[in-house]
Protein backbone atom coordinates (compact mmCIF):
# COMPACT_ATOMS: atom_id res chain seq x y z
CA MET A 1 -55.04 -72.09 5.72
CA LYS A 2 -51.94 -74.27 5.65
CA ILE A 3 -48.99 -72.31 4.38
CA ALA A 4 -45.59 -73.69 3.50
CA VAL A 5 -42.80 -71.07 3.19
CA LEU A 6 -39.50 -71.96 1.47
CA THR A 7 -36.72 -69.54 2.36
CA GLY A 8 -33.08 -69.12 1.45
CA ALA A 9 -30.20 -66.81 1.84
CA GLY A 10 -31.94 -63.78 0.36
CA VAL A 11 -34.11 -63.47 3.44
CA SER A 12 -31.21 -63.31 5.84
CA ALA A 13 -28.99 -61.07 3.56
CA GLU A 14 -31.13 -58.14 4.45
CA SER A 15 -30.17 -58.59 8.12
CA GLY A 16 -26.50 -58.19 7.15
CA LEU A 17 -25.67 -61.88 7.01
CA LYS A 18 -23.40 -62.60 4.12
CA THR A 19 -24.46 -65.26 1.70
CA PHE A 20 -21.82 -68.00 1.96
CA ARG A 21 -21.31 -68.36 -1.76
CA ASP A 22 -19.67 -65.45 -3.60
CA SER A 23 -19.94 -64.84 -7.31
CA ASN A 24 -16.62 -66.55 -7.86
CA GLY A 25 -17.85 -69.73 -6.17
CA LEU A 26 -15.80 -69.29 -3.00
CA TRP A 27 -17.27 -69.33 0.46
CA GLU A 28 -15.75 -66.39 2.36
CA GLY A 29 -12.55 -66.78 0.32
CA HIS A 30 -12.39 -70.68 0.86
CA ASP A 31 -13.07 -73.39 -1.67
CA VAL A 32 -16.45 -74.75 -0.74
CA MET A 33 -15.32 -78.36 -0.34
CA SER A 34 -12.53 -77.35 2.03
CA VAL A 35 -15.06 -75.91 4.62
CA ALA A 36 -18.33 -77.66 3.81
CA SER A 37 -17.59 -81.31 3.14
CA PRO A 38 -16.77 -84.37 5.34
CA GLN A 39 -13.43 -84.56 3.42
CA GLY A 40 -12.59 -80.98 4.18
CA PHE A 41 -13.29 -81.55 7.91
CA ALA A 42 -11.11 -84.73 7.88
CA ASN A 43 -8.22 -82.92 6.10
CA ASP A 44 -8.17 -79.68 8.25
CA PRO A 45 -10.74 -79.76 11.13
CA ALA A 46 -9.26 -76.57 12.65
CA LEU A 47 -10.00 -74.62 9.49
CA VAL A 48 -13.52 -75.87 9.28
CA LEU A 49 -14.20 -75.11 12.97
CA ASP A 50 -12.79 -71.63 12.59
CA PHE A 51 -14.90 -71.01 9.50
CA TYR A 52 -18.13 -71.82 11.38
CA ASN A 53 -16.93 -69.94 14.48
CA GLN A 54 -16.77 -66.77 12.43
CA ARG A 55 -20.14 -67.40 10.90
CA ARG A 56 -21.63 -67.95 14.41
CA LYS A 57 -20.11 -64.75 15.76
CA GLN A 58 -21.62 -62.80 12.85
CA LEU A 59 -25.08 -64.42 13.37
CA LEU A 60 -25.12 -63.33 17.01
CA GLU A 61 -24.54 -59.72 15.91
CA VAL A 62 -27.41 -59.41 13.59
CA SER A 63 -31.31 -59.23 14.04
CA PRO A 64 -34.36 -60.45 12.17
CA ASN A 65 -35.57 -58.03 9.43
CA ALA A 66 -39.01 -57.07 8.11
CA ALA A 67 -39.35 -60.22 6.11
CA HIS A 68 -38.67 -62.61 9.03
CA LYS A 69 -41.18 -60.54 11.10
CA ALA A 70 -43.90 -60.60 8.46
CA LEU A 71 -43.63 -64.32 7.99
CA ALA A 72 -43.89 -64.78 11.78
CA GLN A 73 -47.05 -62.65 11.76
CA LEU A 74 -48.68 -65.08 9.29
CA GLU A 75 -48.99 -67.51 12.25
CA ASN A 76 -51.63 -65.15 13.81
CA LYS A 77 -54.22 -66.40 11.30
CA HIS A 78 -52.68 -69.41 9.54
CA ASP A 79 -50.95 -72.70 10.05
CA VAL A 80 -47.54 -71.92 8.86
CA THR A 81 -44.41 -73.97 8.50
CA ILE A 82 -41.10 -72.37 7.44
CA ILE A 83 -38.90 -74.66 5.47
CA THR A 84 -35.47 -72.94 5.24
CA GLN A 85 -32.16 -73.67 3.65
CA ASN A 86 -30.70 -71.14 6.06
CA VAL A 87 -28.69 -72.30 9.05
CA ASP A 88 -29.37 -69.13 11.13
CA ASP A 89 -32.04 -68.76 13.83
CA LEU A 90 -33.44 -65.42 12.59
CA HIS A 91 -36.86 -66.98 11.80
CA GLU A 92 -37.16 -68.21 15.36
CA ARG A 93 -35.96 -64.93 16.84
CA ALA A 94 -38.66 -63.08 14.78
CA GLY A 95 -41.34 -65.24 16.37
CA SER A 96 -41.79 -68.13 13.86
CA THR A 97 -42.59 -71.27 16.03
CA ASN A 98 -42.58 -74.04 13.32
CA VAL A 99 -39.19 -73.92 11.44
CA LEU A 100 -37.67 -76.89 9.57
CA HIS A 101 -33.95 -76.37 8.84
CA LEU A 102 -33.04 -78.46 5.86
CA HIS A 103 -29.31 -77.76 6.00
CA GLY A 104 -28.83 -77.78 9.74
CA GLU A 105 -28.33 -75.04 12.35
CA LEU A 106 -25.37 -72.87 13.09
CA LEU A 107 -26.10 -72.58 16.81
CA LYS A 108 -26.05 -76.27 17.31
CA VAL A 109 -23.20 -78.86 17.18
CA ARG A 110 -23.36 -82.68 17.07
CA SER A 111 -21.22 -85.62 17.93
CA THR A 112 -19.06 -87.20 15.29
CA PHE A 113 -19.76 -90.55 17.08
CA ASP A 114 -23.61 -90.22 17.29
CA GLU A 115 -25.21 -87.85 14.75
CA ASP A 116 -28.39 -87.85 16.95
CA LEU A 117 -26.48 -86.36 19.83
CA ILE A 118 -27.09 -82.59 19.18
CA LEU A 119 -26.20 -79.74 21.57
CA ASP A 120 -27.03 -76.06 21.59
CA TRP A 121 -23.81 -74.10 21.04
CA LYS A 122 -23.32 -70.32 20.93
CA THR A 123 -19.54 -70.02 21.62
CA ASP A 124 -16.51 -71.09 19.60
CA LEU A 125 -16.22 -74.76 18.88
CA ASN A 126 -12.62 -75.97 19.15
CA ILE A 127 -10.47 -79.06 18.64
CA GLY A 128 -10.79 -81.02 21.92
CA ASP A 129 -14.49 -80.13 22.51
CA PHE A 130 -15.85 -83.64 22.99
CA CYS A 131 -19.31 -85.20 23.37
CA GLU A 132 -20.19 -87.44 26.24
CA HIS A 133 -18.69 -90.38 24.38
CA ASN A 134 -15.34 -88.65 24.19
CA HIS A 135 -15.65 -87.86 20.42
CA GLN A 136 -15.00 -84.54 18.83
CA LEU A 137 -18.01 -82.30 18.21
CA ARG A 138 -18.73 -80.81 14.71
CA PRO A 139 -21.01 -78.11 13.40
CA HIS A 140 -24.65 -79.33 12.94
CA ILE A 141 -24.60 -78.48 9.29
CA VAL A 142 -25.51 -80.67 6.30
CA TRP A 143 -22.33 -80.62 4.20
CA PHE A 144 -21.98 -81.32 0.51
CA GLY A 145 -22.06 -85.06 -0.08
CA GLU A 146 -24.25 -85.63 3.01
CA ALA A 147 -27.86 -86.63 3.01
CA VAL A 148 -30.61 -84.01 3.71
CA PRO A 149 -32.47 -85.97 6.38
CA LEU A 150 -35.54 -83.72 6.53
CA ILE A 151 -36.23 -83.43 2.83
CA GLU A 152 -39.02 -85.99 2.92
CA VAL A 153 -40.73 -84.28 5.81
CA ALA A 154 -40.54 -81.04 3.84
CA ALA A 155 -42.07 -82.57 0.73
CA GLU A 156 -45.06 -83.81 2.77
CA ILE A 157 -45.53 -80.32 4.20
CA VAL A 158 -45.52 -78.74 0.69
CA GLU A 159 -47.89 -81.42 -0.55
CA GLN A 160 -50.50 -80.59 2.14
CA ALA A 161 -50.22 -76.76 1.79
CA ASP A 162 -52.90 -74.57 0.59
CA ALA A 163 -50.33 -71.91 -0.37
CA VAL A 164 -46.58 -72.04 -0.94
CA ILE A 165 -44.40 -68.94 -0.68
CA ILE A 166 -40.77 -69.09 -1.98
CA VAL A 167 -38.66 -66.18 -0.82
CA GLY A 168 -34.96 -65.41 -0.86
CA THR A 169 -33.91 -68.48 -2.78
CA SER A 170 -33.31 -69.14 -6.52
CA MET A 171 -34.57 -72.69 -5.95
CA GLN A 172 -31.50 -73.79 -7.94
CA VAL A 173 -29.91 -75.97 -5.20
CA TYR A 174 -31.16 -79.56 -4.95
CA PRO A 175 -32.82 -81.36 -3.35
CA ALA A 176 -34.59 -78.27 -1.91
CA ALA A 177 -35.21 -76.94 -5.42
CA GLY A 178 -37.40 -79.92 -6.19
CA LEU A 179 -39.91 -79.19 -3.32
CA ILE A 180 -42.13 -76.94 -5.34
CA GLN A 181 -42.96 -79.93 -7.51
CA TYR A 182 -44.85 -81.32 -4.54
CA ALA A 183 -47.34 -78.41 -4.43
CA ARG A 184 -50.89 -79.27 -5.26
CA GLU A 185 -52.27 -78.02 -8.49
CA ASP A 186 -54.81 -75.87 -6.73
CA ALA A 187 -52.31 -74.46 -4.25
CA LEU A 188 -51.59 -70.67 -4.30
CA CYS A 189 -47.90 -70.21 -5.23
CA TYR A 190 -45.83 -67.01 -4.72
CA PHE A 191 -42.21 -66.35 -5.67
CA VAL A 192 -40.46 -63.37 -4.13
CA ASP A 193 -37.18 -62.49 -5.61
CA PRO A 194 -35.58 -59.14 -6.80
CA HIS A 195 -34.22 -60.76 -9.88
CA PRO A 196 -36.64 -63.63 -10.61
CA SER A 197 -35.60 -66.34 -13.01
CA ILE A 198 -39.21 -66.88 -14.07
CA GLN A 199 -42.30 -64.84 -14.86
CA SER A 200 -45.73 -65.00 -13.43
CA ASN A 201 -48.01 -67.64 -14.88
CA SER A 202 -51.16 -69.50 -14.10
CA ARG A 203 -49.27 -71.51 -11.51
CA ILE A 204 -47.04 -68.98 -9.75
CA THR A 205 -47.34 -65.30 -8.91
CA VAL A 206 -43.92 -63.51 -9.12
CA ILE A 207 -43.21 -60.57 -6.95
CA ALA A 208 -39.92 -59.03 -8.23
CA GLU A 209 -38.89 -57.39 -4.97
CA LYS A 210 -36.54 -57.99 -2.09
CA ALA A 211 -37.90 -60.12 0.77
CA SER A 212 -38.65 -57.24 3.16
CA THR A 213 -41.02 -55.49 0.81
CA GLY A 214 -42.21 -58.54 -1.18
CA VAL A 215 -43.36 -60.72 1.70
CA PRO A 216 -45.84 -58.07 3.11
CA LYS A 217 -47.40 -57.97 -0.40
CA VAL A 218 -47.81 -61.71 -0.40
CA MET A 219 -49.54 -61.42 2.96
CA LYS A 220 -52.06 -58.88 1.63
CA ALA A 221 -52.80 -61.04 -1.36
CA ILE A 222 -53.37 -64.09 0.81
CA GLU A 223 -55.64 -62.15 3.19
CA LYS A 224 -57.88 -61.12 0.27
CA LEU A 225 -58.26 -64.68 -0.79
CA SER A 226 -58.64 -66.36 2.54
């Protein structure tokens, strides 16, 4: 069975990773546009680099949780692609081998001269860290106002899936939120969220639980049907 899994911050939150956006709309005390936009980087690159250095340090201190591990186990019997809005590597560390990062990756940086020049990076990124073309490196993150280059690939994956699992995301952030519209009418659809914005219907089965307990229930349901 081909399974597409759409994941968001709720999956990683149980590992102790803070979700960037607080209830007041700030990201770790910063206005979102000051740390997650091309304009913010141009205005104060040191602030932006420090913001992501702190996020990177935090990521390296946490581990995958039960939800990450359960999703990785799906690969034992199924053709699984994880499409994540998360910039962490917890899916990979849990054992998932086919992960599409819509919004970039925290443990990678790229050249401001050539966006296809991407490097693995686990330490602090500082002003003066240059690429081979002598241009400043920046976080490999899709910022507000930038295109999401993998969205069309993600849409094709959802379109071909026999089952779609949505977990840890409200599916309110576009363009990722529009991906569910590409699911086939006969595809099995599951939505795992402790505070779901929708109810189960003929199209989607809602499991009103956190990711670590809800995902194993989805796995059991799929096994009964497959």
